[in-house]
Amino acid sequence: MNAAAALAVAAAALVAPSPAAAADIAFNGYARSRDDGRLLYVESHHVRDVGTVGEARVVLYRCSADGPAFARKELAYGASREQPEFRLTDARSGHVEGLRRTPAGPRVFVKEDARSPQREAAVPAGAAIVSDAGFDEFVRRHWQELEAGKTVRFPFLVPSRLDSLIFKVRKHHEATVEGAAASVIRLNLSGVFGWFLPYIEVSYRKADRVLLRYEGLTNIRDAKGANMVAVIRFPPAERRESAAAEFTRLRAEPLVARCP
């Protein structure tokens, strides 16, 4: 796996709700091409029991706002907020990756495509590795440091490598995003790779640390297998409460092998 793809893996972690009281919520993300503004896909997020030990999420990656889903990601938190269990499945290629908990400890796994065997490995015991949407919890824990302009480094799990890489984050500037005051945070690989790769920028609303905007490499691939570059907007006006039945339905929604 190359360094650019590793950066894209981290991108998947940057979409999460605010630390509100326990509830079921839903919101959308609209991914558009940074070059011409065309819609690439829509992320449909549903979160159960926000901020609790039992928090779980399902994310459907749709061909369009009302179209079918081609990929799904499911997450479960438990007591480890920065290292949630997760599974991402892309029906177009058969790609599967994630992290699962076992009696012997967490294990990372990946299946490159429908024809490839599944590979997996144990996560080192006691390792303080951040996985997937655990990045959002990491940002909250280090919010004051980031607001003060400090650079924070951390190991982030990269399933395709069955290992972690060191990433760094820092606040770059403040801006008005979606009509609200926001802190714009940059994410990049630490070390030599970070000198050559483009950064990712995520804008969090300062009032409650809700993600409003994302720009950079994504973990969704195009027809040629290359990771897409997108600008993703998360309109606050579309955030709403969600029923438990809706969460269950989305977990079972069939995935399509290609978009119409």
C-alpha atoms as a PDB file:
ATOM      1  CA  MET A   1       0.000   0.000   0.000  1.00  0.00           C
ATOM      2  CA  ASN A   2       1.458   3.389  -0.951  1.00  0.00           C
ATOM      3  CA  ALA A   3       1.570   6.413   1.326  1.00  0.00           C
ATOM      4  CA  ALA A   4      -1.173   8.264  -0.564  1.00  0.00           C
ATOM      5  CA  ALA A   5      -3.568   5.376  -0.030  1.00  0.00           C
ATOM      6  CA  ALA A   6      -2.674   5.342   3.649  1.00  0.00           C
ATOM      7  CA  LEU A   7      -3.628   9.008   3.854  1.00  0.00           C
ATOM      8  CA  ALA A   8      -6.943   8.138   2.222  1.00  0.00           C
ATOM      9  CA  VAL A   9      -7.592   5.522   4.883  1.00  0.00           C
ATOM     10  CA  ALA A  10      -7.250   8.175   7.553  1.00  0.00           C
ATOM     11  CA  ALA A  11      -9.717  10.303   5.648  1.00  0.00           C
ATOM     12  CA  ALA A  12     -12.448   7.800   6.385  1.00  0.00           C
ATOM     13  CA  ALA A  13     -12.195   8.561  10.065  1.00  0.00           C
ATOM     14  CA  LEU A  14     -12.998  12.231   9.890  1.00  0.00           C
ATOM     15  CA  VAL A  15     -16.773  12.096   9.810  1.00  0.00           C
ATOM     16  CA  ALA A  16     -18.437  11.904  13.191  1.00  0.00           C
ATOM     17  CA  PRO A  17     -21.189  13.536  15.243  1.00  0.00           C
ATOM     18  CA  SER A  18     -20.709  15.925  18.119  1.00  0.00           C
ATOM     19  CA  PRO A  19     -20.474  14.580  21.684  1.00  0.00           C
ATOM     20  CA  ALA A  20     -24.142  15.190  22.403  1.00  0.00           C
ATOM     21  CA  ALA A  21     -26.420  13.403  24.838  1.00  0.00           C
ATOM     22  CA  ALA A  22     -27.454   9.845  24.008  1.00  0.00           C
ATOM     23  CA  ALA A  23     -29.752   9.817  20.989  1.00  0.00           C
ATOM     24  CA  ASP A  24     -30.083   8.382  17.490  1.00  0.00           C
ATOM     25  CA  ILE A  25     -29.120  10.881  14.796  1.00  0.00           C
ATOM     26  CA  ALA A  26     -28.691  10.973  11.024  1.00  0.00           C
ATOM     27  CA  PHE A  27     -26.854  13.321   8.665  1.00  0.00           C
ATOM     28  CA  ASN A  28     -25.528  13.395   5.098  1.00  0.00           C
ATOM     29  CA  GLY A  29     -22.270  14.256   3.403  1.00  0.00           C
ATOM     30  CA  TYR A  30     -22.134  15.358  -0.244  1.00  0.00           C
ATOM     31  CA  ALA A  31     -18.855  14.506  -1.979  1.00  0.00           C
ATOM     32  CA  ARG A  32     -18.103  16.615  -5.033  1.00  0.00           C
ATOM     33  CA  SER A  33     -15.173  16.757  -7.398  1.00  0.00           C
ATOM     34  CA  ARG A  34     -12.686  19.443  -6.439  1.00  0.00           C
ATOM     35  CA  ASP A  35     -12.055  20.046 -10.147  1.00  0.00           C
ATOM     36  CA  ASP A  36     -15.531  20.556 -11.604  1.00  0.00           C
ATOM     37  CA  GLY A  37     -17.984  20.333  -8.693  1.00  0.00           C
ATOM     38  CA  ARG A  38     -19.869  17.276  -9.976  1.00  0.00           C
ATOM     39  CA  LEU A  39     -21.410  14.969  -7.378  1.00  0.00           C
ATOM     40  CA  LEU A  40     -19.283  11.868  -6.827  1.00  0.00           C
ATOM     41  CA  TYR A  41     -21.283  10.102  -4.099  1.00  0.00           C
ATOM     42  CA  VAL A  42     -23.354  10.759  -0.985  1.00  0.00           C
ATOM     43  CA  GLU A  43     -22.552   9.541   2.528  1.00  0.00           C
ATOM     44  CA  SER A  44     -25.608   8.649   4.628  1.00  0.00           C
ATOM     45  CA  HIS A  45     -24.671   8.483   8.346  1.00  0.00           C
ATOM     46  CA  HIS A  46     -26.851   6.996  11.089  1.00  0.00           C
ATOM     47  CA  VAL A  47     -25.629   6.903  14.684  1.00  0.00           C
ATOM     48  CA  ARG A  48     -27.270   5.017  17.546  1.00  0.00           C
ATOM     49  CA  ASP A  49     -26.840   6.029  21.220  1.00  0.00           C
ATOM     50  CA  VAL A  50     -24.468   8.922  20.511  1.00  0.00           C
ATOM     51  CA  GLY A  51     -21.630   9.324  23.004  1.00  0.00           C
ATOM     52  CA  THR A  52     -22.351   6.166  25.028  1.00  0.00           C
ATOM     53  CA  VAL A  53     -20.444   2.908  25.452  1.00  0.00           C
ATOM     54  CA  GLY A  54     -23.068   1.263  23.247  1.00  0.00           C
ATOM     55  CA  GLU A  55     -22.694   3.766  20.396  1.00  0.00           C
ATOM     56  CA  ALA A  56     -22.903   2.156  16.948  1.00  0.00           C
ATOM     57  CA  ARG A  57     -22.921   3.642  13.461  1.00  0.00           C
ATOM     58  CA  VAL A  58     -23.755   2.655   9.929  1.00  0.00           C
ATOM     59  CA  VAL A  59     -22.593   4.665   6.918  1.00  0.00           C
ATOM     60  CA  LEU A  60     -23.968   4.001   3.444  1.00  0.00           C
ATOM     61  CA  TYR A  61     -22.064   5.323   0.436  1.00  0.00           C
ATOM     62  CA  ARG A  62     -24.705   6.087  -2.195  1.00  0.00           C
ATOM     63  CA  CYS A  63     -24.461   6.695  -5.914  1.00  0.00           C
ATOM     64  CA  SER A  64     -26.653   9.812  -5.515  1.00  0.00           C
ATOM     65  CA  ALA A  65     -28.811  11.472  -2.868  1.00  0.00           C
ATOM     66  CA  ASP A  66     -31.733   9.100  -3.444  1.00  0.00           C
ATOM     67  CA  GLY A  67     -29.813   6.355  -5.206  1.00  0.00           C
ATOM     68  CA  PRO A  68     -28.667   2.874  -4.183  1.00  0.00           C
ATOM     69  CA  ALA A  69     -25.692   2.243  -1.914  1.00  0.00           C
ATOM     70  CA  PHE A  70     -22.500   0.619  -3.206  1.00  0.00           C
ATOM     71  CA  ALA A  71     -20.604   0.449   0.097  1.00  0.00           C
ATOM     72  CA  ARG A  72     -21.331   0.242   3.792  1.00  0.00           C
ATOM     73  CA  LYS A  73     -19.320   0.784   6.965  1.00  0.00           C
ATOM     74  CA  GLU A  74     -20.431  -0.358  10.423  1.00  0.00           C
ATOM     75  CA  LEU A  75     -18.813   0.672  13.705  1.00  0.00           C
ATOM     76  CA  ALA A  76     -19.194  -0.320  17.356  1.00  0.00           C
ATOM     77  CA  TYR A  77     -17.421   1.516  20.167  1.00  0.00           C
ATOM     78  CA  GLY A  78     -17.525  -0.276  23.497  1.00  0.00           C
ATOM     79  CA  ALA A  79     -15.194   1.174  26.137  1.00  0.00           C
ATOM     80  CA  SER A  80     -12.432   2.126  23.672  1.00  0.00           C
ATOM     81  CA  ARG A  81     -13.603   5.362  22.068  1.00  0.00           C
ATOM     82  CA  GLU A  82     -10.401   5.882  20.078  1.00  0.00           C
ATOM     83  CA  GLN A  83     -10.272   2.292  18.801  1.00  0.00           C
ATOM     84  CA  PRO A  84     -13.770   1.306  17.632  1.00  0.00           C
ATOM     85  CA  GLU A  85     -14.486  -2.015  15.984  1.00  0.00           C
ATOM     86  CA  PHE A  86     -15.428  -1.497  12.318  1.00  0.00           C
ATOM     87  CA  ARG A  87     -16.023  -3.172   8.967  1.00  0.00           C
ATOM     88  CA  LEU A  88     -16.078  -1.489   5.535  1.00  0.00           C
ATOM     89  CA  THR A  89     -17.477  -3.382   2.529  1.00  0.00           C
ATOM     90  CA  ASP A  90     -17.415  -2.099  -1.071  1.00  0.00           C
ATOM     91  CA  ALA A  91     -19.682  -4.242  -3.272  1.00  0.00           C
ATOM     92  CA  ARG A  92     -18.210  -2.888  -6.511  1.00  0.00           C
ATOM     93  CA  SER A  93     -14.842  -4.591  -6.019  1.00  0.00           C
ATOM     94  CA  GLY A  94     -15.469  -6.914  -3.090  1.00  0.00           C
ATOM     95  CA  HIS A  95     -13.007  -4.967  -0.950  1.00  0.00           C
ATOM     96  CA  VAL A  96     -13.426  -5.529   2.806  1.00  0.00           C
ATOM     97  CA  GLU A  97     -11.392  -4.150   5.698  1.00  0.00           C
ATOM     98  CA  GLY A  98     -11.741  -3.475   9.385  1.00  0.00           C
ATOM     99  CA  LEU A  99     -10.921  -4.177  12.995  1.00  0.00           C
ATOM    100  CA  ARG A 100     -12.633  -6.722  15.236  1.00  0.00           C
ATOM    101  CA  ARG A 101     -12.296  -7.556  18.903  1.00  0.00           C
ATOM    102  CA  THR A 102     -11.545 -11.132  19.976  1.00  0.00           C
ATOM    103  CA  PRO A 103     -10.925 -12.762  23.389  1.00  0.00           C
ATOM    104  CA  ALA A 104      -7.215 -12.677  22.514  1.00  0.00           C
ATOM    105  CA  GLY A 105      -7.291  -8.977  21.599  1.00  0.00           C
ATOM    106  CA  PRO A 106      -8.150  -6.818  18.565  1.00  0.00           C
ATOM    107  CA  ARG A 107      -7.340  -8.059  15.067  1.00  0.00           C
ATOM    108  CA  VAL A 108      -7.063  -6.031  11.865  1.00  0.00           C
ATOM    109  CA  PHE A 109      -8.146  -7.616   8.574  1.00  0.00           C
ATOM    110  CA  VAL A 110      -8.335  -6.827   4.860  1.00  0.00           C
ATOM    111  CA  LYS A 111      -9.569  -8.490   1.654  1.00  0.00           C
ATOM    112  CA  GLU A 112      -8.347  -6.497  -1.340  1.00  0.00           C
ATOM    113  CA  ASP A 113     -11.064  -7.659  -3.751  1.00  0.00           C
ATOM    114  CA  ALA A 114     -13.525 -10.480  -4.377  1.00  0.00           C
ATOM    115  CA  ARG A 115     -10.794 -12.804  -5.674  1.00  0.00           C
ATOM    116  CA  SER A 116      -8.237 -12.138  -2.938  1.00  0.00           C
ATOM    117  CA  PRO A 117      -7.862 -14.103   0.301  1.00  0.00           C
ATOM    118  CA  GLN A 118      -8.516 -12.308   3.562  1.00  0.00           C
ATOM    119  CA  ARG A 119      -5.388 -11.315   5.469  1.00  0.00           C
ATOM    120  CA  GLU A 120      -5.328 -10.431   9.151  1.00  0.00           C
ATOM    121  CA  ALA A 121      -3.005  -9.725  12.057  1.00  0.00           C
ATOM    122  CA  ALA A 122      -3.145  -9.064  15.781  1.00  0.00           C
ATOM    123  CA  VAL A 123      -2.905  -5.477  17.007  1.00  0.00           C
ATOM    124  CA  PRO A 124       0.014  -5.275  19.469  1.00  0.00           C
ATOM    125  CA  ALA A 125      -1.206  -5.668  23.041  1.00  0.00           C
ATOM    126  CA  GLY A 126      -1.565  -2.345  24.824  1.00  0.00           C
ATOM    127  CA  ALA A 127      -0.854  -0.306  21.683  1.00  0.00           C
ATOM    128  CA  ALA A 128      -2.569   3.112  21.779  1.00  0.00           C
ATOM    129  CA  ILE A 129      -3.558   2.926  18.114  1.00  0.00           C
ATOM    130  CA  VAL A 130      -6.374   5.102  16.766  1.00  0.00           C
ATOM    131  CA  SER A 131      -8.752   3.310  14.385  1.00  0.00           C
ATOM    132  CA  ASP A 132     -11.207   4.758  11.882  1.00  0.00           C
ATOM    133  CA  ALA A 133     -13.733   7.170  13.474  1.00  0.00           C
ATOM    134  CA  GLY A 134     -11.741   6.995  16.696  1.00  0.00           C
ATOM    135  CA  PHE A 135      -9.868   9.905  15.141  1.00  0.00           C
ATOM    136  CA  ASP A 136     -12.786  12.149  16.062  1.00  0.00           C
ATOM    137  CA  GLU A 137     -12.417  11.125  19.701  1.00  0.00           C
ATOM    138  CA  PHE A 138      -8.694  11.785  19.436  1.00  0.00           C
ATOM    139  CA  VAL A 139      -9.381  15.318  18.176  1.00  0.00           C
ATOM    140  CA  ARG A 140     -11.764  15.979  21.068  1.00  0.00           C
ATOM    141  CA  ARG A 141      -9.227  14.772  23.607  1.00  0.00           C
ATOM    142  CA  HIS A 142      -6.537  17.018  22.124  1.00  0.00           C
ATOM    143  CA  TRP A 143      -8.810  19.935  21.215  1.00  0.00           C
ATOM    144  CA  GLN A 144      -7.137  22.454  23.532  1.00  0.00           C
ATOM    145  CA  GLU A 145      -3.693  21.559  22.214  1.00  0.00           C
ATOM    146  CA  LEU A 146      -4.874  21.929  18.618  1.00  0.00           C
ATOM    147  CA  GLU A 147      -6.579  25.251  19.392  1.00  0.00           C
ATOM    148  CA  ALA A 148      -3.276  26.430  20.845  1.00  0.00           C
ATOM    149  CA  GLY A 149      -1.547  25.679  17.540  1.00  0.00           C
ATOM    150  CA  LYS A 150       0.370  22.594  18.646  1.00  0.00           C
ATOM    151  CA  THR A 151       1.134  19.691  16.308  1.00  0.00           C
ATOM    152  CA  VAL A 152      -0.051  16.329  17.649  1.00  0.00           C
ATOM    153  CA  ARG A 153       1.194  12.986  16.325  1.00  0.00           C
ATOM    154  CA  PHE A 154      -0.499   9.624  16.703  1.00  0.00           C
ATOM    155  CA  PRO A 155      -0.417   6.052  15.288  1.00  0.00           C
ATOM    156  CA  PHE A 156      -3.367   5.399  12.985  1.00  0.00           C
ATOM    157  CA  LEU A 157      -4.426   1.902  11.954  1.00  0.00           C
ATOM    158  CA  VAL A 158      -4.097   1.220   8.201  1.00  0.00           C
ATOM    159  CA  PRO A 159      -5.856  -2.110   7.471  1.00  0.00           C
ATOM    160  CA  SER A 160      -4.275  -2.565   4.046  1.00  0.00           C
ATOM    161  CA  ARG A 161      -0.880  -2.643   5.758  1.00  0.00           C
ATOM    162  CA  LEU A 162      -2.137  -4.682   8.734  1.00  0.00           C
ATOM    163  CA  ASP A 163      -0.224  -2.079  10.706  1.00  0.00           C
ATOM    164  CA  SER A 164      -0.275   1.566  11.755  1.00  0.00           C
ATOM    165  CA  LEU A 165       1.429   4.695  10.421  1.00  0.00           C
ATOM    166  CA  ILE A 166       2.269   7.893  12.266  1.00  0.00           C
ATOM    167  CA  PHE A 167       0.071  10.853  11.320  1.00  0.00           C
ATOM    168  CA  LYS A 168       0.167  14.440  12.503  1.00  0.00           C
ATOM    169  CA  VAL A 169      -2.588  17.021  12.921  1.00  0.00           C
ATOM    170  CA  ARG A 170      -2.538  20.732  13.649  1.00  0.00           C
ATOM    171  CA  LYS A 171      -4.881  23.682  13.452  1.00  0.00           C
ATOM    172  CA  HIS A 172      -4.091  25.742  10.362  1.00  0.00           C
ATOM    173  CA  HIS A 173      -6.515  28.656  10.602  1.00  0.00           C
ATOM    174  CA  GLU A 174     -10.038  29.740  11.479  1.00  0.00           C
ATOM    175  CA  ALA A 175     -12.803  30.376   8.952  1.00  0.00           C
ATOM    176  CA  THR A 176     -16.539  30.735   8.534  1.00  0.00           C
ATOM    177  CA  VAL A 177     -17.904  27.436   7.207  1.00  0.00           C
ATOM    178  CA  GLU A 178     -21.595  26.730   6.606  1.00  0.00           C
ATOM    179  CA  GLY A 179     -22.304  30.064   8.323  1.00  0.00           C
ATOM    180  CA  ALA A 180     -20.490  29.125  11.543  1.00  0.00           C
ATOM    181  CA  ALA A 181     -17.107  29.868  13.127  1.00  0.00           C
ATOM    182  CA  ALA A 182     -14.846  26.879  12.475  1.00  0.00           C
ATOM    183  CA  SER A 183     -11.354  25.623  13.211  1.00  0.00           C
ATOM    184  CA  VAL A 184      -9.645  24.281  10.086  1.00  0.00           C
ATOM    185  CA  ILE A 185      -7.363  21.366  10.949  1.00  0.00           C
ATOM    186  CA  ARG A 186      -4.791  19.795   8.660  1.00  0.00           C
ATOM    187  CA  LEU A 187      -3.920  16.104   8.648  1.00  0.00           C
ATOM    188  CA  ASN A 188      -0.906  14.526   6.992  1.00  0.00           C
ATOM    189  CA  LEU A 189       1.488  11.640   7.315  1.00  0.00           C
ATOM    190  CA  SER A 190       4.370  12.385   9.623  1.00  0.00           C
ATOM    191  CA  GLY A 191       7.956  12.122   8.404  1.00  0.00           C
ATOM    192  CA  VAL A 192       9.338  12.067   4.858  1.00  0.00           C
ATOM    193  CA  PHE A 193       6.089  10.974   3.161  1.00  0.00           C
ATOM    194  CA  GLY A 194       4.383  14.044   4.561  1.00  0.00           C
ATOM    195  CA  TRP A 195       6.740  16.299   2.600  1.00  0.00           C
ATOM    196  CA  PHE A 196       5.420  15.082  -0.746  1.00  0.00           C
ATOM    197  CA  LEU A 197       1.766  14.211  -0.191  1.00  0.00           C
ATOM    198  CA  PRO A 198      -1.093  16.721  -0.256  1.00  0.00           C
ATOM    199  CA  TYR A 199      -2.670  17.466   3.085  1.00  0.00           C
ATOM    200  CA  ILE A 200      -6.264  16.882   4.130  1.00  0.00           C
ATOM    201  CA  GLU A 201      -8.259  19.735   5.670  1.00  0.00           C
ATOM    202  CA  VAL A 202     -11.227  19.242   7.981  1.00  0.00           C
ATOM    203  CA  SER A 203     -13.325  22.088   9.345  1.00  0.00           C
ATOM    204  CA  TYR A 204     -14.958  21.635  12.772  1.00  0.00           C
ATOM    205  CA  ARG A 205     -17.592  24.003  14.143  1.00  0.00           C
ATOM    206  CA  LYS A 206     -15.987  25.648  17.149  1.00  0.00           C
ATOM    207  CA  ALA A 207     -19.165  25.677  19.237  1.00  0.00           C
ATOM    208  CA  ASP A 208     -19.602  21.879  19.388  1.00  0.00           C
ATOM    209  CA  ARG A 209     -16.851  20.315  17.194  1.00  0.00           C
ATOM    210  CA  VAL A 210     -19.251  19.051  14.535  1.00  0.00           C
ATOM    211  CA  LEU A 211     -17.536  18.358  11.209  1.00  0.00           C
ATOM    212  CA  LEU A 212     -18.769  20.803   8.553  1.00  0.00           C
ATOM    213  CA  ARG A 213     -16.406  20.341   5.627  1.00  0.00           C
ATOM    214  CA  TYR A 214     -13.737  17.938   4.367  1.00  0.00           C
ATOM    215  CA  GLU A 215     -11.311  18.431   1.497  1.00  0.00           C
ATOM    216  CA  GLY A 216      -8.723  16.007   0.163  1.00  0.00           C
ATOM    217  CA  LEU A 217      -8.080  12.387  -0.710  1.00  0.00           C
ATOM    218  CA  THR A 218     -10.917  10.011   0.209  1.00  0.00           C
ATOM    219  CA  ASN A 219     -11.057   6.265   0.842  1.00  0.00           C
ATOM    220  CA  ILE A 220     -13.557   5.760  -2.007  1.00  0.00           C
ATOM    221  CA  ARG A 221     -12.055   4.609  -5.288  1.00  0.00           C
ATOM    222  CA  ASP A 222     -13.027   5.451  -8.848  1.00  0.00           C
ATOM    223  CA  ALA A 223     -13.543   3.000 -11.712  1.00  0.00           C
ATOM    224  CA  LYS A 224      -9.783   2.784 -12.266  1.00  0.00           C
ATOM    225  CA  GLY A 225      -9.083   1.945  -8.632  1.00  0.00           C
ATOM    226  CA  ALA A 226      -7.608   5.337  -7.716  1.00  0.00           C
ATOM    227  CA  ASN A 227      -8.680   7.103  -4.531  1.00  0.00           C
ATOM    228  CA  MET A 228     -10.984  10.023  -5.290  1.00  0.00           C
ATOM    229  CA  VAL A 229     -10.173  13.594  -4.287  1.00  0.00           C
ATOM    230  CA  ALA A 230     -13.281  15.393  -3.087  1.00  0.00           C
ATOM    231  CA  VAL A 231     -14.780  18.285  -1.192  1.00  0.00           C
ATOM    232  CA  ILE A 232     -17.441  16.930   1.182  1.00  0.00           C
ATOM    233  CA  ARG A 233     -20.053  19.205   2.787  1.00  0.00           C
ATOM    234  CA  PHE A 234     -22.074  18.179   5.837  1.00  0.00           C
ATOM    235  CA  PRO A 235     -24.987  20.661   5.988  1.00  0.00           C
ATOM    236  CA  PRO A 236     -25.935  21.173   9.667  1.00  0.00           C
ATOM    237  CA  ALA A 237     -29.549  21.842   8.665  1.00  0.00           C
ATOM    238  CA  GLU A 238     -29.886  18.216   7.534  1.00  0.00           C
ATOM    239  CA  ARG A 239     -28.908  16.720  10.909  1.00  0.00           C
ATOM    240  CA  ARG A 240     -31.940  15.066  12.466  1.00  0.00           C
ATOM    241  CA  GLU A 241     -33.050  12.501  14.991  1.00  0.00           C
ATOM    242  CA  SER A 242     -33.286   8.965  13.630  1.00  0.00           C
ATOM    243  CA  ALA A 243     -35.449   6.033  14.693  1.00  0.00           C
ATOM    244  CA  ALA A 244     -33.928   2.708  15.744  1.00  0.00           C
ATOM    245  CA  ALA A 245     -35.889   0.951  13.006  1.00  0.00           C
ATOM    246  CA  GLU A 246     -34.165   3.096  10.390  1.00  0.00           C
ATOM    247  CA  PHE A 247     -30.750   2.067  11.719  1.00  0.00           C
ATOM    248  CA  THR A 248     -31.713  -1.608  11.475  1.00  0.00           C
ATOM    249  CA  ARG A 249     -33.050  -1.189   7.937  1.00  0.00           C
ATOM    250  CA  LEU A 250     -29.885   0.487   6.696  1.00  0.00           C
ATOM    251  CA  ARG A 251     -27.706  -2.288   8.105  1.00  0.00           C
ATOM    252  CA  ALA A 252     -29.657  -4.732   5.921  1.00  0.00           C
ATOM    253  CA  GLU A 253     -29.998  -2.596   2.777  1.00  0.00           C
ATOM    254  CA  PRO A 254     -28.581  -4.439  -0.270  1.00  0.00           C
ATOM    255  CA  LEU A 255     -25.506  -3.007  -1.940  1.00  0.00           C
ATOM    256  CA  VAL A 256     -25.165  -2.624  -5.706  1.00  0.00           C
ATOM    257  CA  ALA A 257     -22.113  -3.776  -7.644  1.00  0.00           C
ATOM    258  CA  ARG A 258     -22.081  -0.600  -9.734  1.00  0.00           C
ATOM    259  CA  CYS A 259     -23.886   2.708  -9.898  1.00  0.00           C
ATOM    260  CA  PRO A 260     -26.603   3.181 -12.546  1.00  0.00           C
END
